[in-house]
Amino acid sequence: MALTLRPITAADLPTAGRICHDAFRAIATEHNYPPDFPTPEVGIGLLTDLTNSPGFYGVVAEIDSQVVGSIFIDERAPIIGLGPITVDPAGQNRGVGNALMTHMLGFAVREHLTNLQGPALGLRLTGRTVRPANNADLVACNRLSRAMHGLDRGGSLRGAIVSGTAAVVEHGGRITGYTTEIGFGGHAVAESNEDLKALIGAAPAFGGPGFLLPSRNTELFQWCLANGLRMVQSMTLMTVGLYNEPRGAYLPSIWF
């Protein structure tokens, strides 16, 4: 067995995307979760988007010249996010996942997360206005992120503004929260839970398998459940290296 790692190419995407679908479907089926990627085409589409997006770096693992897994990192901010990492279910227990992870990172557990999904709430909170974000909002949003995490995440926010998924919430005549998307790939930062409620309430949908909520935020968790959202699965936020304990209300993305 010859295991090698190399940067992903366009020619790898059909196989790597199918493996992404198969791997997530296998573990979802085992634990009775809904699949993250309903069809192979969804997995291929995601990996294609990541491969073609500036700021993402992807690697494939090969055994005897056959692609058997892949891993991606998000390098758009000083804090790097990792995922997805997937290994062909038919090639488990051959050191592929360990090699991919060792190539990138190693982790410490930081936060227990709850993945929530459901129909759009269509709620408006009195005194708070949610609107699409634009480039003029970057300074205020980056200030919020630095106060929360000790760094800004302007790279992902700029991308979300271009794609039309970013939103801000205003209260008292100023921006008090923002999101790149209320969904698996988006994050949110706010001064208070009321600001997060406004962003969640105004979301047209919850992208992918849903959005991630720190489980210890009991008030917001209970509010989500009371408004018809339901827990899909339990997850864990893990980091390596620099980590600042968040100060305020936030929703992490699947990357961070």
C-alpha atoms as a PDB file:
ATOM      1  CA  MET A   1       0.000   0.000   0.000  1.00  0.00           C
ATOM      2  CA  ALA A   2       1.440   3.356  -1.081  1.00  0.00           C
ATOM      3  CA  LEU A   3      -0.331   6.249   0.697  1.00  0.00           C
ATOM      4  CA  THR A   4       0.428   9.716  -0.662  1.00  0.00           C
ATOM      5  CA  LEU A   5      -1.010  13.218  -0.120  1.00  0.00           C
ATOM      6  CA  ARG A   6      -1.160  16.015  -2.687  1.00  0.00           C
ATOM      7  CA  PRO A   7      -3.151  19.186  -3.465  1.00  0.00           C
ATOM      8  CA  ILE A   8      -6.595  18.531  -4.929  1.00  0.00           C
ATOM      9  CA  THR A   9      -7.198  19.190  -8.635  1.00  0.00           C
ATOM     10  CA  ALA A  10     -10.325  19.581 -10.754  1.00  0.00           C
ATOM     11  CA  ALA A  11      -9.886  16.020 -12.026  1.00  0.00           C
ATOM     12  CA  ASP A  12     -10.218  14.707  -8.459  1.00  0.00           C
ATOM     13  CA  LEU A  13     -13.560  16.362  -7.739  1.00  0.00           C
ATOM     14  CA  PRO A  14     -16.006  13.688  -8.978  1.00  0.00           C
ATOM     15  CA  THR A  15     -14.315  10.971  -6.916  1.00  0.00           C
ATOM     16  CA  ALA A  16     -13.562  13.138  -3.866  1.00  0.00           C
ATOM     17  CA  GLY A  17     -17.103  14.547  -3.894  1.00  0.00           C
ATOM     18  CA  ARG A  18     -18.646  11.081  -4.061  1.00  0.00           C
ATOM     19  CA  ILE A  19     -16.455   9.964  -1.158  1.00  0.00           C
ATOM     20  CA  CYS A  20     -17.559  13.044   0.799  1.00  0.00           C
ATOM     21  CA  HIS A  21     -21.189  12.034   0.268  1.00  0.00           C
ATOM     22  CA  ASP A  22     -20.588   8.359   1.032  1.00  0.00           C
ATOM     23  CA  ALA A  23     -18.571   9.013   4.191  1.00  0.00           C
ATOM     24  CA  PHE A  24     -21.056  11.428   5.747  1.00  0.00           C
ATOM     25  CA  ARG A  25     -23.999   9.272   4.712  1.00  0.00           C
ATOM     26  CA  ALA A  26     -22.438   6.186   6.304  1.00  0.00           C
ATOM     27  CA  ILE A  27     -21.976   7.824   9.707  1.00  0.00           C
ATOM     28  CA  ALA A  28     -25.363   9.575   9.542  1.00  0.00           C
ATOM     29  CA  THR A  29     -27.103   6.285   8.785  1.00  0.00           C
ATOM     30  CA  GLU A  30     -25.286   4.530  11.630  1.00  0.00           C
ATOM     31  CA  HIS A  31     -26.470   7.136  14.152  1.00  0.00           C
ATOM     32  CA  ASN A  32     -29.898   7.806  12.559  1.00  0.00           C
ATOM     33  CA  TYR A  33     -29.044  11.412  11.578  1.00  0.00           C
ATOM     34  CA  PRO A  34     -30.230  12.994   8.325  1.00  0.00           C
ATOM     35  CA  PRO A  35     -27.346  12.978   5.790  1.00  0.00           C
ATOM     36  CA  ASP A  36     -25.300  16.143   5.440  1.00  0.00           C
ATOM     37  CA  PHE A  37     -25.128  15.593   1.671  1.00  0.00           C
ATOM     38  CA  PRO A  38     -28.364  14.079   0.298  1.00  0.00           C
ATOM     39  CA  THR A  39     -26.781  13.081  -3.057  1.00  0.00           C
ATOM     40  CA  PRO A  40     -23.267  12.619  -4.463  1.00  0.00           C
ATOM     41  CA  GLU A  41     -23.842  15.719  -6.593  1.00  0.00           C
ATOM     42  CA  VAL A  42     -24.175  17.845  -3.451  1.00  0.00           C
ATOM     43  CA  GLY A  43     -20.825  16.561  -2.177  1.00  0.00           C
ATOM     44  CA  ILE A  44     -19.196  17.188  -5.552  1.00  0.00           C
ATOM     45  CA  GLY A  45     -20.681  20.676  -5.652  1.00  0.00           C
ATOM     46  CA  LEU A  46     -19.353  21.590  -2.214  1.00  0.00           C
ATOM     47  CA  LEU A  47     -15.818  20.389  -2.916  1.00  0.00           C
ATOM     48  CA  THR A  48     -15.884  22.141  -6.295  1.00  0.00           C
ATOM     49  CA  ASP A  49     -16.856  25.411  -4.622  1.00  0.00           C
ATOM     50  CA  LEU A  50     -14.124  25.034  -1.985  1.00  0.00           C
ATOM     51  CA  THR A  51     -11.468  24.132  -4.560  1.00  0.00           C
ATOM     52  CA  ASN A  52     -12.358  27.166  -6.666  1.00  0.00           C
ATOM     53  CA  SER A  53     -12.694  29.597  -3.742  1.00  0.00           C
ATOM     54  CA  PRO A  54      -9.720  31.824  -2.856  1.00  0.00           C
ATOM     55  CA  GLY A  55      -8.577  31.201   0.708  1.00  0.00           C
ATOM     56  CA  PHE A  56      -9.346  27.464   0.793  1.00  0.00           C
ATOM     57  CA  TYR A  57      -6.680  24.757   0.512  1.00  0.00           C
ATOM     58  CA  GLY A  58      -7.554  21.146  -0.240  1.00  0.00           C
ATOM     59  CA  VAL A  59      -5.569  17.911  -0.176  1.00  0.00           C
ATOM     60  CA  VAL A  60      -6.441  14.421  -1.401  1.00  0.00           C
ATOM     61  CA  ALA A  61      -5.090  11.109  -0.137  1.00  0.00           C
ATOM     62  CA  GLU A  62      -4.258   8.407  -2.662  1.00  0.00           C
ATOM     63  CA  ILE A  63      -3.569   4.711  -2.233  1.00  0.00           C
ATOM     64  CA  ASP A  64      -1.901   3.148  -5.254  1.00  0.00           C
ATOM     65  CA  SER A  65      -2.890   6.229  -7.307  1.00  0.00           C
ATOM     66  CA  GLN A  66      -6.589   5.989  -6.336  1.00  0.00           C
ATOM     67  CA  VAL A  67      -8.209   8.895  -4.440  1.00  0.00           C
ATOM     68  CA  VAL A  68      -9.497   7.591  -1.087  1.00  0.00           C
ATOM     69  CA  GLY A  69     -10.106  10.787   0.911  1.00  0.00           C
ATOM     70  CA  SER A  70      -9.724  14.541   1.161  1.00  0.00           C
ATOM     71  CA  ILE A  71      -9.408  17.409   3.602  1.00  0.00           C
ATOM     72  CA  PHE A  72      -9.848  21.201   3.342  1.00  0.00           C
ATOM     73  CA  ILE A  73      -8.863  24.209   5.416  1.00  0.00           C
ATOM     74  CA  ASP A  74     -10.252  27.748   5.369  1.00  0.00           C
ATOM     75  CA  GLU A  75      -7.331  30.223   5.449  1.00  0.00           C
ATOM     76  CA  ARG A  76      -9.333  33.448   5.028  1.00  0.00           C
ATOM     77  CA  ALA A  77      -8.665  34.633   8.596  1.00  0.00           C
ATOM     78  CA  PRO A  78      -5.801  34.345  11.115  1.00  0.00           C
ATOM     79  CA  ILE A  79      -7.730  31.465  12.705  1.00  0.00           C
ATOM     80  CA  ILE A  80      -7.862  28.583  10.227  1.00  0.00           C
ATOM     81  CA  GLY A  81     -10.961  26.384   9.968  1.00  0.00           C
ATOM     82  CA  LEU A  82     -10.727  22.708   8.984  1.00  0.00           C
ATOM     83  CA  GLY A  83     -13.204  20.552   7.093  1.00  0.00           C
ATOM     84  CA  PRO A  84     -14.671  18.633   5.584  1.00  0.00           C
ATOM     85  CA  ILE A  85     -12.368  15.660   6.092  1.00  0.00           C
ATOM     86  CA  THR A  86     -13.655  12.435   4.540  1.00  0.00           C
ATOM     87  CA  VAL A  87     -12.347   8.934   3.878  1.00  0.00           C
ATOM     88  CA  ASP A  88     -13.896   6.350   1.563  1.00  0.00           C
ATOM     89  CA  PRO A  89     -15.922   3.976   3.790  1.00  0.00           C
ATOM     90  CA  ALA A  90     -14.464   1.095   1.768  1.00  0.00           C
ATOM     91  CA  GLY A  91     -10.946   2.152   2.753  1.00  0.00           C
ATOM     92  CA  GLN A  92     -11.247   2.623   6.504  1.00  0.00           C
ATOM     93  CA  ASN A  93      -8.599   1.514   9.032  1.00  0.00           C
ATOM     94  CA  ARG A  94      -5.714   2.081   6.653  1.00  0.00           C
ATOM     95  CA  GLY A  95      -4.346   5.271   8.243  1.00  0.00           C
ATOM     96  CA  VAL A  96      -5.873   7.645   5.696  1.00  0.00           C
ATOM     97  CA  GLY A  97      -7.753   9.890   8.143  1.00  0.00           C
ATOM     98  CA  ASN A  98      -4.793  10.044  10.502  1.00  0.00           C
ATOM     99  CA  ALA A  99      -2.465  11.019   7.658  1.00  0.00           C
ATOM    100  CA  LEU A 100      -4.816  13.758   6.441  1.00  0.00           C
ATOM    101  CA  MET A 101      -5.326  15.184   9.926  1.00  0.00           C
ATOM    102  CA  THR A 102      -1.639  15.008  10.846  1.00  0.00           C
ATOM    103  CA  HIS A 103      -0.838  16.824   7.608  1.00  0.00           C
ATOM    104  CA  MET A 104      -3.058  19.725   8.703  1.00  0.00           C
ATOM    105  CA  LEU A 105      -3.665  20.025  12.463  1.00  0.00           C
ATOM    106  CA  GLY A 106      -4.339  18.517  15.943  1.00  0.00           C
ATOM    107  CA  PHE A 107      -7.044  19.678  18.382  1.00  0.00           C
ATOM    108  CA  ALA A 108      -8.247  20.615  21.866  1.00  0.00           C
ATOM    109  CA  VAL A 109     -11.967  20.511  22.716  1.00  0.00           C
ATOM    110  CA  ARG A 110     -13.430  23.993  23.304  1.00  0.00           C
ATOM    111  CA  GLU A 111     -17.224  23.997  23.020  1.00  0.00           C
ATOM    112  CA  HIS A 112     -20.181  21.629  22.843  1.00  0.00           C
ATOM    113  CA  LEU A 113     -22.463  22.552  19.944  1.00  0.00           C
ATOM    114  CA  THR A 114     -26.049  21.784  18.972  1.00  0.00           C
ATOM    115  CA  ASN A 115     -26.986  21.603  15.289  1.00  0.00           C
ATOM    116  CA  LEU A 116     -30.480  23.078  14.795  1.00  0.00           C
ATOM    117  CA  GLN A 117     -32.769  22.945  11.772  1.00  0.00           C
ATOM    118  CA  GLY A 118     -36.368  23.719  10.900  1.00  0.00           C
ATOM    119  CA  PRO A 119     -38.581  25.980   8.790  1.00  0.00           C
ATOM    120  CA  ALA A 120     -37.756  29.675   8.489  1.00  0.00           C
ATOM    121  CA  LEU A 121     -39.221  31.523  11.470  1.00  0.00           C
ATOM    122  CA  GLY A 122     -40.238  34.765   9.787  1.00  0.00           C
ATOM    123  CA  LEU A 123     -39.906  36.682  13.071  1.00  0.00           C
ATOM    124  CA  ARG A 124     -39.149  40.354  13.693  1.00  0.00           C
ATOM    125  CA  LEU A 125     -38.008  41.568  17.100  1.00  0.00           C
ATOM    126  CA  THR A 126     -39.267  44.942  18.292  1.00  0.00           C
ATOM    127  CA  GLY A 127     -36.564  47.596  18.166  1.00  0.00           C
ATOM    128  CA  ARG A 128     -34.234  45.583  15.918  1.00  0.00           C
ATOM    129  CA  THR A 129     -33.891  45.798  12.147  1.00  0.00           C
ATOM    130  CA  VAL A 130     -32.231  43.116  10.019  1.00  0.00           C
ATOM    131  CA  ARG A 131     -31.029  43.973   6.525  1.00  0.00           C
ATOM    132  CA  PRO A 132     -28.538  42.644   3.945  1.00  0.00           C
ATOM    133  CA  ALA A 133     -24.924  43.538   4.732  1.00  0.00           C
ATOM    134  CA  ASN A 134     -22.811  45.623   2.377  1.00  0.00           C
ATOM    135  CA  ASN A 135     -19.162  46.654   2.164  1.00  0.00           C
ATOM    136  CA  ALA A 136     -19.832  49.820   4.153  1.00  0.00           C
ATOM    137  CA  ASP A 137     -20.653  47.584   7.143  1.00  0.00           C
ATOM    138  CA  LEU A 138     -17.259  45.856   7.210  1.00  0.00           C
ATOM    139  CA  VAL A 139     -15.639  48.204   9.725  1.00  0.00           C
ATOM    140  CA  ALA A 140     -18.453  47.857  12.275  1.00  0.00           C
ATOM    141  CA  CYS A 141     -18.742  44.086  11.764  1.00  0.00           C
ATOM    142  CA  ASN A 142     -14.998  43.554  12.082  1.00  0.00           C
ATOM    143  CA  ARG A 143     -15.050  45.596  15.292  1.00  0.00           C
ATOM    144  CA  LEU A 144     -17.707  43.256  16.698  1.00  0.00           C
ATOM    145  CA  SER A 145     -15.688  40.195  15.714  1.00  0.00           C
ATOM    146  CA  ARG A 146     -12.511  41.543  17.320  1.00  0.00           C
ATOM    147  CA  ALA A 147     -14.406  42.247  20.535  1.00  0.00           C
ATOM    148  CA  MET A 148     -15.799  38.683  20.479  1.00  0.00           C
ATOM    149  CA  HIS A 149     -12.904  36.562  19.229  1.00  0.00           C
ATOM    150  CA  GLY A 150      -9.885  38.882  19.322  1.00  0.00           C
ATOM    151  CA  LEU A 151      -9.683  38.966  15.509  1.00  0.00           C
ATOM    152  CA  ASP A 152     -11.830  39.925  12.557  1.00  0.00           C
ATOM    153  CA  ARG A 153     -13.209  37.551   9.939  1.00  0.00           C
ATOM    154  CA  GLY A 154     -13.445  40.042   7.118  1.00  0.00           C
ATOM    155  CA  GLY A 155     -12.442  37.536   4.437  1.00  0.00           C
ATOM    156  CA  SER A 156     -15.448  35.300   4.931  1.00  0.00           C
ATOM    157  CA  LEU A 157     -17.726  38.300   5.495  1.00  0.00           C
ATOM    158  CA  ARG A 158     -16.671  39.914   2.209  1.00  0.00           C
ATOM    159  CA  GLY A 159     -17.363  36.644   0.409  1.00  0.00           C
ATOM    160  CA  ALA A 160     -20.803  36.393   2.004  1.00  0.00           C
ATOM    161  CA  ILE A 161     -21.619  39.975   0.990  1.00  0.00           C
ATOM    162  CA  VAL A 162     -20.783  39.107  -2.616  1.00  0.00           C
ATOM    163  CA  SER A 163     -22.888  35.928  -2.493  1.00  0.00           C
ATOM    164  CA  GLY A 164     -25.797  37.778  -0.856  1.00  0.00           C
ATOM    165  CA  THR A 165     -26.047  35.689   2.341  1.00  0.00           C
ATOM    166  CA  ALA A 166     -24.610  38.232   4.820  1.00  0.00           C
ATOM    167  CA  ALA A 167     -26.921  40.265   7.066  1.00  0.00           C
ATOM    168  CA  VAL A 168     -26.601  42.791   9.894  1.00  0.00           C
ATOM    169  CA  VAL A 169     -28.910  43.654  12.767  1.00  0.00           C
ATOM    170  CA  GLU A 170     -29.248  47.278  13.911  1.00  0.00           C
ATOM    171  CA  HIS A 171     -30.411  48.491  17.301  1.00  0.00           C
ATOM    172  CA  GLY A 172     -30.356  52.038  18.615  1.00  0.00           C
ATOM    173  CA  GLY A 173     -29.053  53.370  15.320  1.00  0.00           C
ATOM    174  CA  ARG A 174     -25.965  51.151  15.087  1.00  0.00           C
ATOM    175  CA  ILE A 175     -24.935  47.656  14.019  1.00  0.00           C
ATOM    176  CA  THR A 176     -25.110  45.267  16.971  1.00  0.00           C
ATOM    177  CA  GLY A 177     -24.636  41.957  15.157  1.00  0.00           C
ATOM    178  CA  TYR A 178     -23.954  40.320  11.832  1.00  0.00           C
ATOM    179  CA  THR A 179     -23.980  36.936  10.135  1.00  0.00           C
ATOM    180  CA  THR A 180     -22.367  35.544   7.015  1.00  0.00           C
ATOM    181  CA  GLU A 181     -25.306  33.098   6.893  1.00  0.00           C
ATOM    182  CA  ILE A 182     -27.450  31.382   9.495  1.00  0.00           C
ATOM    183  CA  GLY A 183     -26.394  27.921   8.398  1.00  0.00           C
ATOM    184  CA  PHE A 184     -23.691  25.264   8.538  1.00  0.00           C
ATOM    185  CA  GLY A 185     -21.105  27.302   6.665  1.00  0.00           C
ATOM    186  CA  GLY A 186     -21.938  30.668   8.224  1.00  0.00           C
ATOM    187  CA  HIS A 187     -21.054  32.340  11.508  1.00  0.00           C
ATOM    188  CA  ALA A 188     -22.702  35.110  13.525  1.00  0.00           C
ATOM    189  CA  VAL A 189     -21.426  37.597  16.097  1.00  0.00           C
ATOM    190  CA  ALA A 190     -23.622  39.871  18.215  1.00  0.00           C
ATOM    191  CA  GLU A 191     -23.656  41.993  21.336  1.00  0.00           C
ATOM    192  CA  SER A 192     -26.572  40.062  22.850  1.00  0.00           C
ATOM    193  CA  ASN A 193     -28.870  37.087  22.435  1.00  0.00           C
ATOM    194  CA  GLU A 194     -31.624  39.467  21.325  1.00  0.00           C
ATOM    195  CA  ASP A 195     -29.485  40.419  18.338  1.00  0.00           C
ATOM    196  CA  LEU A 196     -28.902  36.758  17.484  1.00  0.00           C
ATOM    197  CA  LYS A 197     -32.624  36.069  17.815  1.00  0.00           C
ATOM    198  CA  ALA A 198     -33.283  38.852  15.309  1.00  0.00           C
ATOM    199  CA  LEU A 199     -30.786  37.382  12.825  1.00  0.00           C
ATOM    200  CA  ILE A 200     -32.136  33.844  13.253  1.00  0.00           C
ATOM    201  CA  GLY A 201     -35.732  35.050  13.069  1.00  0.00           C
ATOM    202  CA  ALA A 202     -35.096  36.902   9.807  1.00  0.00           C
ATOM    203  CA  ALA A 203     -33.142  34.113   8.073  1.00  0.00           C
ATOM    204  CA  PRO A 204     -34.897  32.955   4.882  1.00  0.00           C
ATOM    205  CA  ALA A 205     -33.653  29.393   5.537  1.00  0.00           C
ATOM    206  CA  PHE A 206     -30.991  27.573   7.540  1.00  0.00           C
ATOM    207  CA  GLY A 207     -28.319  26.471   5.102  1.00  0.00           C
ATOM    208  CA  GLY A 208     -27.140  22.878   4.833  1.00  0.00           C
ATOM    209  CA  PRO A 209     -27.870  20.614   7.819  1.00  0.00           C
ATOM    210  CA  GLY A 210     -28.724  23.713   9.907  1.00  0.00           C
ATOM    211  CA  PHE A 211     -26.866  26.172  12.117  1.00  0.00           C
ATOM    212  CA  LEU A 212     -24.595  25.570  15.098  1.00  0.00           C
ATOM    213  CA  LEU A 213     -25.367  26.924  18.553  1.00  0.00           C
ATOM    214  CA  PRO A 214     -23.136  26.711  21.650  1.00  0.00           C
ATOM    215  CA  SER A 215     -25.199  24.388  23.827  1.00  0.00           C
ATOM    216  CA  ARG A 216     -24.382  26.263  27.030  1.00  0.00           C
ATOM    217  CA  ASN A 217     -26.274  29.295  25.693  1.00  0.00           C
ATOM    218  CA  THR A 218     -29.401  28.003  27.434  1.00  0.00           C
ATOM    219  CA  GLU A 219     -31.545  31.073  26.831  1.00  0.00           C
ATOM    220  CA  LEU A 220     -31.032  31.035  23.066  1.00  0.00           C
ATOM    221  CA  PHE A 221     -31.280  27.239  22.860  1.00  0.00           C
ATOM    222  CA  GLN A 222     -34.652  27.256  24.622  1.00  0.00           C
ATOM    223  CA  TRP A 223     -35.878  30.149  22.464  1.00  0.00           C
ATOM    224  CA  CYS A 224     -35.013  28.192  19.312  1.00  0.00           C
ATOM    225  CA  LEU A 225     -36.845  25.103  20.558  1.00  0.00           C
ATOM    226  CA  ALA A 226     -39.871  27.172  21.609  1.00  0.00           C
ATOM    227  CA  ASN A 227     -40.061  28.559  18.071  1.00  0.00           C
ATOM    228  CA  GLY A 228     -40.184  25.179  16.390  1.00  0.00           C
ATOM    229  CA  LEU A 229     -36.527  24.449  15.653  1.00  0.00           C
ATOM    230  CA  ARG A 230     -35.240  20.997  16.492  1.00  0.00           C
ATOM    231  CA  MET A 231     -31.911  19.464  17.336  1.00  0.00           C
ATOM    232  CA  VAL A 232     -30.407  17.489  14.449  1.00  0.00           C
ATOM    233  CA  GLN A 233     -27.180  16.327  16.061  1.00  0.00           C
ATOM    234  CA  SER A 234     -24.618  17.115  18.731  1.00  0.00           C
ATOM    235  CA  MET A 235     -21.182  18.343  17.667  1.00  0.00           C
ATOM    236  CA  THR A 236     -17.924  19.642  19.159  1.00  0.00           C
ATOM    237  CA  LEU A 237     -15.861  22.756  18.444  1.00  0.00           C
ATOM    238  CA  MET A 238     -12.151  21.918  18.625  1.00  0.00           C
ATOM    239  CA  THR A 239      -9.088  24.113  18.073  1.00  0.00           C
ATOM    240  CA  VAL A 240      -5.304  24.017  18.062  1.00  0.00           C
ATOM    241  CA  GLY A 241      -2.992  26.896  18.931  1.00  0.00           C
ATOM    242  CA  LEU A 242      -4.332  30.382  19.619  1.00  0.00           C
ATOM    243  CA  TYR A 243      -7.859  30.420  21.045  1.00  0.00           C
ATOM    244  CA  ASN A 244      -9.644  33.322  22.727  1.00  0.00           C
ATOM    245  CA  GLU A 245     -12.679  32.424  24.814  1.00  0.00           C
ATOM    246  CA  PRO A 246     -15.574  34.215  23.037  1.00  0.00           C
ATOM    247  CA  ARG A 247     -16.986  37.208  24.887  1.00  0.00           C
ATOM    248  CA  GLY A 248     -20.614  37.714  23.922  1.00  0.00           C
ATOM    249  CA  ALA A 249     -23.242  36.000  21.805  1.00  0.00           C
ATOM    250  CA  TYR A 250     -22.137  34.022  18.761  1.00  0.00           C
ATOM    251  CA  LEU A 251     -22.868  31.159  16.366  1.00  0.00           C
ATOM    252  CA  PRO A 252     -19.843  29.319  14.956  1.00  0.00           C
ATOM    253  CA  SER A 253     -19.619  27.951  11.430  1.00  0.00           C
ATOM    254  CA  ILE A 254     -18.618  24.370  10.727  1.00  0.00           C
ATOM    255  CA  TRP A 255     -15.104  25.784  10.272  1.00  0.00           C
ATOM    256  CA  PHE A 256     -15.134  28.079  13.351  1.00  0.00           C
END
